[in-house]
Amino acid sequence: MTTVGIATGAGRGMGYACAQRMIGTVDTVLLVDLDADTVRATADELNGDRTRVEPIVLDVTDVDGLERLAARVTELGTLRSVAHAAGISPTMADWRRIFAVDLVGTARLARALRPLATAGTASVYFASMAPNIGRMQPSPEEIAVLADPLAEDFLDRLREVVGEAIEHPGVAYAWAKYGVQQFARDEAVRLGAVGARACSVSPGIIDTPQGRQEADHNESMGEMVRATPLGRTGRAEELAAVVTFLLSDEASFVNGTDVLVDGGVVASLTSGADRASVRP
């Protein structure tokens, strides 16, 4: 049986780190990224004897492109693992585009790959610590809208129940990532019957090109780093290590949950404890 893994956003940052970790875990890794030059260079770098690596230039919001991705998996073998890191952050787009990529894109990818899921298939979708920082508690009406991100009127319905605040990119980002956390739980229920799993991970402040771009435009990120009990930003490979575990057979009973990988900053900001009060 030929096994296939997919890493999205694989050209750089956390997606690239996940792609590196997939080498040797499956027979073929499909690297998905919108940047053609970057993803092709990454494929050339990672290709080797242990795992065949193939670049696929794709926008994760492209329904037809996602169907072609699914067809390619079918041609190659059995879907084993999906690390879906592709996404955008508040400085990169307006609120509608943020939802289209981060939440609707996640749902579209999952819909395209769902028929390929089988016993042992595992997917990890990238969310964020943003909903945890904001202690989001959506109403039943808001949760009901978020549960159907593929509805044609999804964004209009969400704007109606949340209000105009949703149009702020930072607010939209937190809501979209909350939606990813919820989507992973729902997808786990959908896939359980065939023995497949789905989880999400919520990164904190990770030192990646995208993370540095956000830091350049958001002074509060520096404050959050200082509030992190470990006193530093995270590294992409630290996130990838968690994702690799969640995709592995060792995590065969971890399903439908979100894993927060933030160095403890959410605990710090929500507990009121003083990091400086305990010294080694």
Protein backbone atom coordinates (compact mmCIF):
# COMPACT_ATOMS: atom_id res chain seq x y z
CA MET A 1 0.00 0.00 0.00
CA THR A 2 1.43 3.36 -1.07
CA THR A 3 0.75 6.02 1.53
CA VAL A 4 0.30 9.72 0.83
CA GLY A 5 0.69 12.78 3.03
CA ILE A 6 -0.34 16.36 2.31
CA ALA A 7 1.26 19.48 3.77
CA THR A 8 -0.36 22.80 2.88
CA GLY A 9 1.32 26.16 3.21
CA ALA A 10 4.43 24.06 2.70
CA GLY A 11 6.63 26.69 1.10
CA ARG A 12 7.76 28.24 4.37
CA GLY A 13 7.13 28.57 8.08
CA MET A 14 5.12 25.98 9.95
CA GLY A 15 3.87 24.26 6.79
CA TYR A 16 7.45 23.77 5.65
CA ALA A 17 8.45 22.39 9.05
CA CYS A 18 5.54 19.93 8.92
CA ALA A 19 6.57 18.84 5.42
CA GLN A 20 10.10 18.17 6.67
CA ARG A 21 8.73 15.98 9.45
CA MET A 22 6.56 14.00 7.03
CA ILE A 23 9.61 12.69 5.21
CA GLY A 24 9.95 9.02 6.07
CA THR A 25 6.42 8.73 7.47
CA VAL A 26 4.69 8.21 4.11
CA ASP A 27 5.72 7.12 0.62
CA THR A 28 4.74 10.37 -1.09
CA VAL A 29 4.28 13.89 0.27
CA LEU A 30 2.27 16.41 -1.73
CA LEU A 31 3.43 19.94 -0.95
CA VAL A 32 0.67 22.49 -1.46
CA ASP A 33 1.33 26.21 -1.65
CA LEU A 34 0.15 29.24 -3.61
CA ASP A 35 3.73 30.41 -4.29
CA ALA A 36 4.94 28.31 -7.21
CA ASP A 37 8.66 29.12 -6.96
CA THR A 38 8.81 28.49 -3.22
CA VAL A 39 6.93 25.20 -3.21
CA ARG A 40 8.92 23.85 -6.14
CA ALA A 41 12.19 24.77 -4.45
CA THR A 42 11.00 23.06 -1.28
CA ALA A 43 10.09 19.92 -3.20
CA ASP A 44 13.54 19.84 -4.80
CA GLU A 45 15.13 20.22 -1.35
CA LEU A 46 13.08 17.50 0.37
CA ASN A 47 12.97 14.90 -2.40
CA GLY A 48 14.98 11.84 -1.49
CA ASP A 49 15.19 8.08 -1.27
CA ARG A 50 12.85 7.71 1.71
CA THR A 51 9.93 9.73 0.38
CA ARG A 52 8.90 11.07 -2.99
CA VAL A 53 7.96 14.75 -2.82
CA GLU A 54 5.69 16.44 -5.33
CA PRO A 55 4.83 20.16 -5.47
CA ILE A 56 1.28 21.31 -6.17
CA VAL A 57 0.57 24.99 -6.78
CA LEU A 58 -2.88 25.61 -5.33
CA ASP A 59 -5.05 28.19 -3.64
CA VAL A 60 -6.91 26.32 -0.88
CA THR A 61 -10.07 28.26 -1.71
CA ASP A 62 -10.09 26.83 -5.26
CA VAL A 63 -12.74 24.10 -5.34
CA ASP A 64 -11.66 22.70 -8.71
CA GLY A 65 -8.02 22.72 -7.63
CA LEU A 66 -8.88 20.82 -4.46
CA GLU A 67 -10.70 18.21 -6.50
CA ARG A 68 -7.57 17.80 -8.62
CA LEU A 69 -5.55 17.40 -5.41
CA ALA A 70 -7.90 14.65 -4.23
CA ALA A 71 -7.70 12.95 -7.62
CA ARG A 72 -3.90 13.00 -7.43
CA VAL A 73 -3.99 11.35 -4.02
CA THR A 74 -6.23 8.62 -5.44
CA GLU A 75 -3.79 8.06 -8.31
CA LEU A 76 -0.89 7.70 -5.89
CA GLY A 77 -2.34 5.52 -3.16
CA THR A 78 -3.96 5.83 0.27
CA LEU A 79 -4.34 9.10 2.16
CA ARG A 80 -2.47 8.79 5.44
CA SER A 81 -1.90 12.29 6.83
CA VAL A 82 -2.87 15.92 6.26
CA ALA A 83 -1.13 18.89 7.90
CA HIS A 84 -3.17 21.90 6.87
CA ALA A 85 -1.08 24.93 7.79
CA ALA A 86 -2.07 27.22 4.92
CA GLY A 87 -3.71 30.40 6.15
CA ILE A 88 -3.49 34.15 6.39
CA SER A 89 -3.31 36.56 9.30
CA PRO A 90 -4.93 39.94 10.07
CA THR A 91 -2.40 42.16 8.25
CA MET A 92 -2.70 40.18 5.03
CA ALA A 93 -6.32 40.71 3.94
CA ASP A 94 -9.77 42.03 4.74
CA TRP A 95 -12.23 40.11 6.89
CA ARG A 96 -13.95 38.28 4.04
CA ARG A 97 -10.69 36.98 2.61
CA ILE A 98 -9.51 35.92 6.08
CA PHE A 99 -12.62 33.77 6.49
CA ALA A 100 -12.40 32.49 2.92
CA VAL A 101 -8.88 31.18 3.40
CA ASP A 102 -8.70 30.24 7.08
CA LEU A 103 -12.10 28.66 7.69
CA VAL A 104 -13.91 28.14 4.39
CA GLY A 105 -10.67 26.92 2.78
CA THR A 106 -10.24 24.41 5.60
CA ALA A 107 -13.77 23.13 5.11
CA ARG A 108 -13.33 22.89 1.35
CA LEU A 109 -10.10 20.92 1.70
CA ALA A 110 -11.73 18.55 4.17
CA ARG A 111 -14.75 18.05 1.92
CA ALA A 112 -12.53 17.17 -1.04
CA LEU A 113 -10.46 14.70 0.96
CA ARG A 114 -13.24 13.18 3.08
CA PRO A 115 -14.10 10.40 0.59
CA LEU A 116 -10.44 9.30 0.73
CA ALA A 117 -10.31 8.91 4.50
CA THR A 118 -9.87 5.39 5.80
CA ALA A 119 -8.72 3.64 8.95
CA GLY A 120 -5.56 5.38 10.12
CA THR A 121 -6.01 8.60 8.14
CA ALA A 122 -5.32 11.64 10.32
CA SER A 123 -5.76 15.36 9.66
CA VAL A 124 -4.54 18.35 11.65
CA TYR A 125 -5.94 21.79 10.90
CA PHE A 126 -4.14 24.93 12.05
CA ALA A 127 -6.19 27.21 14.26
CA SER A 128 -4.71 29.83 16.65
CA MET A 129 -4.47 30.85 20.28
CA ALA A 130 -6.45 33.99 19.35
CA PRO A 131 -9.85 32.60 20.43
CA ASN A 132 -8.31 31.41 23.71
CA ILE A 133 -6.76 34.81 24.41
CA GLY A 134 -10.14 36.44 23.82
CA ARG A 135 -11.96 33.80 25.90
CA MET A 136 -14.51 33.56 23.12
CA GLN A 137 -17.92 32.21 24.10
CA PRO A 138 -20.12 32.34 21.00
CA SER A 139 -23.86 32.22 21.38
CA PRO A 140 -25.83 29.20 20.16
CA GLU A 141 -26.87 31.23 17.11
CA GLU A 142 -23.26 32.09 16.30
CA ILE A 143 -22.13 28.50 16.78
CA ALA A 144 -24.85 27.31 14.44
CA VAL A 145 -23.63 29.66 11.69
CA LEU A 146 -19.98 28.69 12.21
CA ALA A 147 -20.93 25.02 11.92
CA ASP A 148 -21.78 25.48 8.23
CA PRO A 149 -18.90 27.42 6.65
CA LEU A 150 -19.71 26.04 3.20
CA ALA A 151 -23.15 27.66 3.11
CA GLU A 152 -23.45 30.11 0.21
CA ASP A 153 -24.59 32.90 2.55
CA PHE A 154 -22.16 31.99 5.34
CA LEU A 155 -20.42 35.36 5.65
CA ASP A 156 -23.64 37.35 5.43
CA ARG A 157 -25.25 35.21 8.14
CA LEU A 158 -22.18 35.51 10.35
CA ARG A 159 -22.09 39.30 9.90
CA GLU A 160 -25.76 39.39 10.91
CA VAL A 161 -25.37 37.42 14.15
CA VAL A 162 -21.99 38.83 15.25
CA GLY A 163 -22.41 42.42 14.12
CA GLU A 164 -20.14 44.91 12.40
CA ALA A 165 -17.22 44.15 14.74
CA ILE A 166 -16.59 41.05 12.59
CA GLU A 167 -15.29 43.34 9.85
CA HIS A 168 -12.15 44.18 11.84
CA PRO A 169 -9.40 41.87 10.51
CA GLY A 170 -8.17 40.95 13.99
CA VAL A 171 -11.67 40.08 15.15
CA ALA A 172 -12.37 38.16 11.95
CA TYR A 173 -9.16 36.19 12.43
CA ALA A 174 -10.12 35.14 15.95
CA TRP A 175 -13.60 34.09 14.81
CA ALA A 176 -12.23 32.20 11.79
CA LYS A 177 -9.77 30.29 13.96
CA TYR A 178 -12.47 29.52 16.52
CA GLY A 179 -14.38 28.14 13.56
CA VAL A 180 -11.42 25.91 12.67
CA GLN A 181 -11.34 24.53 16.21
CA GLN A 182 -15.06 23.80 16.00
CA PHE A 183 -14.70 22.35 12.51
CA ALA A 184 -12.04 19.88 13.68
CA ARG A 185 -14.39 18.61 16.38
CA ASP A 186 -17.23 18.21 13.91
CA GLU A 187 -14.98 16.53 11.34
CA ALA A 188 -13.78 14.03 13.93
CA VAL A 189 -17.40 12.97 14.44
CA ARG A 190 -17.95 12.68 10.69
CA LEU A 191 -14.81 10.57 10.13
CA GLY A 192 -14.99 8.33 13.16
CA ALA A 193 -17.06 5.65 11.48
CA VAL A 194 -14.23 4.84 9.05
CA GLY A 195 -11.52 4.96 11.73
CA ALA A 196 -10.07 8.32 10.63
CA ARG A 197 -9.19 11.19 12.96
CA ALA A 198 -9.19 14.99 12.91
CA CYS A 199 -7.70 17.50 15.36
CA SER A 200 -6.60 21.11 15.36
CA VAL A 201 -3.55 22.85 16.75
CA SER A 202 -3.53 26.42 18.04
CA PRO A 203 -0.10 28.01 17.77
CA GLY A 204 0.98 30.88 19.95
CA ILE A 205 3.54 33.38 18.71
CA ILE A 206 5.82 31.39 16.44
CA ASP A 207 8.95 32.81 14.81
CA THR A 208 8.03 32.56 11.13
CA PRO A 209 7.98 35.12 8.29
CA GLN A 210 4.23 35.53 8.74
CA GLY A 211 4.59 35.84 12.50
CA ARG A 212 7.25 38.51 12.13
CA GLN A 213 5.03 40.43 9.72
CA GLU A 214 2.25 40.45 12.29
CA ALA A 215 4.66 41.57 15.02
CA ASP A 216 5.76 44.52 12.88
CA HIS A 217 2.17 45.76 12.80
CA ASN A 218 0.99 44.79 16.28
CA GLU A 219 2.76 46.08 19.36
CA SER A 220 0.72 43.81 21.62
CA MET A 221 2.55 40.78 20.28
CA GLY A 222 5.70 41.95 22.01
CA GLU A 223 3.72 42.20 25.24
CA MET A 224 2.47 38.65 24.75
CA VAL A 225 5.99 37.35 24.25
CA ARG A 226 7.01 39.03 27.50
CA ALA A 227 3.98 37.45 29.19
CA THR A 228 4.91 33.98 27.95
CA PRO A 229 6.14 31.89 30.90
CA LEU A 230 8.97 30.51 28.75
CA GLY A 231 9.96 34.06 27.87
CA ARG A 232 10.37 33.54 24.12
CA THR A 233 8.62 32.91 20.84
CA GLY A 234 8.09 29.40 19.59
CA ARG A 235 9.92 27.75 16.71
CA ALA A 236 8.23 26.26 13.68
CA GLU A 237 9.84 22.90 14.32
CA GLU A 238 8.30 22.82 17.81
CA LEU A 239 4.84 23.15 16.27
CA ALA A 240 5.70 20.55 13.64
CA ALA A 241 6.76 18.07 16.34
CA VAL A 242 3.30 18.27 17.91
CA VAL A 243 1.61 17.92 14.52
CA THR A 244 3.79 14.91 13.68
CA PHE A 245 2.68 13.21 16.89
CA LEU A 246 -0.99 13.94 16.22
CA LEU A 247 -0.65 12.45 12.72
CA SER A 248 1.12 9.34 13.99
CA ASP A 249 -0.27 6.00 15.14
CA GLU A 250 0.98 6.88 18.62
CA ALA A 251 -1.87 9.39 18.78
CA SER A 252 -4.44 6.88 17.57
CA PHE A 253 -6.92 7.77 20.35
CA VAL A 254 -6.43 11.56 20.16
CA ASN A 255 -9.38 12.84 18.19
CA GLY A 256 -11.67 15.83 17.92
CA THR A 257 -9.61 18.09 20.16
CA ASP A 258 -7.53 21.25 19.91
CA VAL A 259 -3.93 21.28 21.13
CA LEU A 260 -2.68 24.66 22.33
CA VAL A 261 1.03 25.16 21.58
CA ASP A 262 1.79 28.61 22.93
CA GLY A 263 4.54 28.38 25.53
CA GLY A 264 1.96 29.02 28.23
CA VAL A 265 0.97 32.57 27.26
CA VAL A 266 -2.76 31.83 27.42
CA ALA A 267 -2.31 30.40 30.90
CA SER A 268 -0.33 33.48 31.89
CA LEU A 269 -2.84 35.98 30.55
CA THR A 270 -5.88 34.20 31.92
CA SER A 271 -4.57 33.11 35.34
CA GLY A 272 -3.14 36.38 36.59
CA ALA A 273 -0.05 34.62 37.92
CA ASP A 274 3.20 36.56 37.97
CA ARG A 275 5.86 34.79 35.91
CA ALA A 276 8.60 36.66 37.76
CA SER A 277 7.37 35.51 41.16
CA VAL A 278 9.01 32.09 40.88
CA ARG A 279 12.73 31.97 40.23
CA PRO A 280 14.85 28.88 39.65
